């Protein structure tokens, strides 16, 4: 199996950041140049997109009731660059506040 084929298999199951995909492919024993080529191929063809992944992960974290600091930490752990983190968390601040309000309301009403 080539790194590209493995990339397709990995991404068919779950979305990943480019950093996560890079690490997974290296851990599977592929050479670094082949891994870089596979990641570039996936990015060029729109199979991975760090901004899309960041938005998805931030939304998932906010839905769990996590605040901006925890969202930033999760994004950083997945290798998302600081500019993308700043853009994602900045645009999601209102969504996070709405989620917190909704969760607090559930706690207060018991539903």
Protein backbone atom coordinates (compact mmCIF):
# COMPACT_ATOMS: atom_id res chain seq x y z
CA UNK A 1 0.00 0.00 0.00
CA UNK A 2 1.33 3.44 -0.89
CA UNK A 3 1.16 6.49 1.39
CA UNK A 4 -1.48 7.96 -0.93
CA UNK A 5 -3.63 4.84 -0.70
CA UNK A 6 -3.21 4.80 3.06
CA UNK A 7 -4.19 8.48 3.16
CA UNK A 8 -7.40 7.73 1.28
CA UNK A 9 -8.17 4.88 3.66
CA UNK A 10 -7.49 7.01 6.76
CA UNK A 11 -9.54 9.97 5.52
CA UNK A 12 -12.47 7.78 4.45
CA UNK A 13 -13.01 6.95 8.11
CA UNK A 14 -12.48 10.32 9.78
CA UNK A 15 -11.37 13.88 9.02
CA UNK A 16 -7.85 14.76 10.19
CA UNK A 17 -5.64 17.81 10.34
CA UNK A 18 -2.62 17.81 8.04
CA UNK A 19 -0.37 17.43 11.09
CA UNK A 20 -2.33 14.43 12.38
CA UNK A 21 -2.26 12.78 8.97
CA UNK A 22 1.49 13.42 8.65
CA UNK A 23 2.13 11.77 12.04
CA UNK A 24 -0.13 8.80 11.28
CA UNK A 25 1.62 8.10 8.00
CA UNK A 26 5.07 8.34 9.58
CA UNK A 27 3.96 5.98 12.35
CA UNK A 28 2.86 3.49 9.69
CA UNK A 29 6.44 3.39 8.43
CA UNK A 30 6.28 5.49 5.28
CA UNK A 31 9.31 7.57 4.31
CA UNK A 32 9.08 11.28 5.04
CA UNK A 33 9.21 12.36 1.38
CA UNK A 34 6.37 9.98 0.51
CA UNK A 35 4.37 11.24 3.51
CA UNK A 36 4.88 14.87 2.51
CA UNK A 37 3.74 14.03 -1.02
CA UNK A 38 0.62 12.25 0.26
CA UNK A 39 -0.30 15.12 2.59
CA UNK A 40 0.23 17.66 -0.20
CA UNK A 41 -1.91 15.53 -2.54
CA UNK A 42 -4.69 15.37 0.07
CA UNK A 43 -4.55 19.15 0.62
CA UNK A 44 -4.47 19.96 -3.10
CA UNK A 45 -7.49 17.76 -3.76
CA UNK A 46 -9.45 19.12 -0.80
CA UNK A 47 -9.41 15.87 1.16
CA UNK A 48 -7.92 17.67 4.14
CA UNK A 49 -8.35 21.30 5.07
CA UNK A 50 -7.00 22.54 8.39
CA UNK A 51 -9.47 25.44 8.51
CA UNK A 52 -12.42 23.09 7.97
CA UNK A 53 -11.03 20.66 10.54
CA UNK A 54 -10.48 23.49 13.04
CA UNK A 55 -14.07 24.69 12.63
CA UNK A 56 -15.40 21.14 13.06
CA UNK A 57 -13.30 20.51 16.17
CA UNK A 58 -14.12 23.89 17.71
CA UNK A 59 -17.84 23.27 17.17
CA UNK A 60 -17.56 19.81 18.74
CA UNK A 61 -15.68 21.18 21.74
CA UNK A 62 -18.16 24.04 22.18
CA UNK A 63 -21.07 21.60 22.00
CA UNK A 64 -19.51 19.77 24.94
CA UNK A 65 -19.51 23.06 26.84
CA UNK A 66 -15.78 23.77 26.64
CA UNK A 67 -14.65 27.37 26.65
CA UNK A 68 -12.22 29.19 24.37
CA UNK A 69 -9.11 28.13 26.30
CA UNK A 70 -9.97 24.43 26.02
CA UNK A 71 -10.90 24.84 22.35
CA UNK A 72 -7.55 26.51 21.66
CA UNK A 73 -5.74 23.70 23.47
CA UNK A 74 -7.54 21.01 21.46
CA UNK A 75 -6.77 22.77 18.18
CA UNK A 76 -3.13 23.17 19.13
CA UNK A 77 -2.88 19.47 20.03
CA UNK A 78 -3.97 18.64 16.49
CA UNK A 79 -1.22 20.82 14.99
CA UNK A 80 -3.44 23.69 13.85
CA UNK A 81 -1.39 26.87 13.37
CA UNK A 82 -1.89 29.87 15.66
CA UNK A 83 -3.47 32.12 12.98
CA UNK A 84 -6.10 29.49 12.17
CA UNK A 85 -6.73 28.94 15.89
CA UNK A 86 -7.16 32.68 16.42
CA UNK A 87 -9.58 32.99 13.49
CA UNK A 88 -11.57 29.92 14.51
CA UNK A 89 -11.91 30.75 18.19
CA UNK A 90 -12.61 34.42 17.49
CA UNK A 91 -15.48 33.58 15.15
CA UNK A 92 -16.78 30.92 17.52
CA UNK A 93 -16.85 33.08 20.68
CA UNK A 94 -20.53 33.89 20.16
CA UNK A 95 -21.34 30.23 19.48
CA UNK A 96 -19.46 29.20 22.62
CA UNK A 97 -21.32 31.79 24.71
CA UNK A 98 -24.64 30.54 23.32
CA UNK A 99 -23.70 26.96 24.17
CA UNK A 100 -22.70 27.94 27.71
CA UNK A 101 -25.96 29.84 28.17
CA UNK A 102 -27.92 26.84 26.87
CA UNK A 103 -26.09 24.44 29.22
CA UNK A 104 -26.58 26.74 32.20
CA UNK A 105 -30.24 27.03 31.35
CA UNK A 106 -30.51 23.22 31.26
CA UNK A 107 -28.87 22.99 34.67
CA UNK A 108 -31.19 25.60 36.15
CA UNK A 109 -34.37 24.12 34.70
CA UNK A 110 -33.38 20.49 35.21
CA UNK A 111 -33.96 19.55 31.55
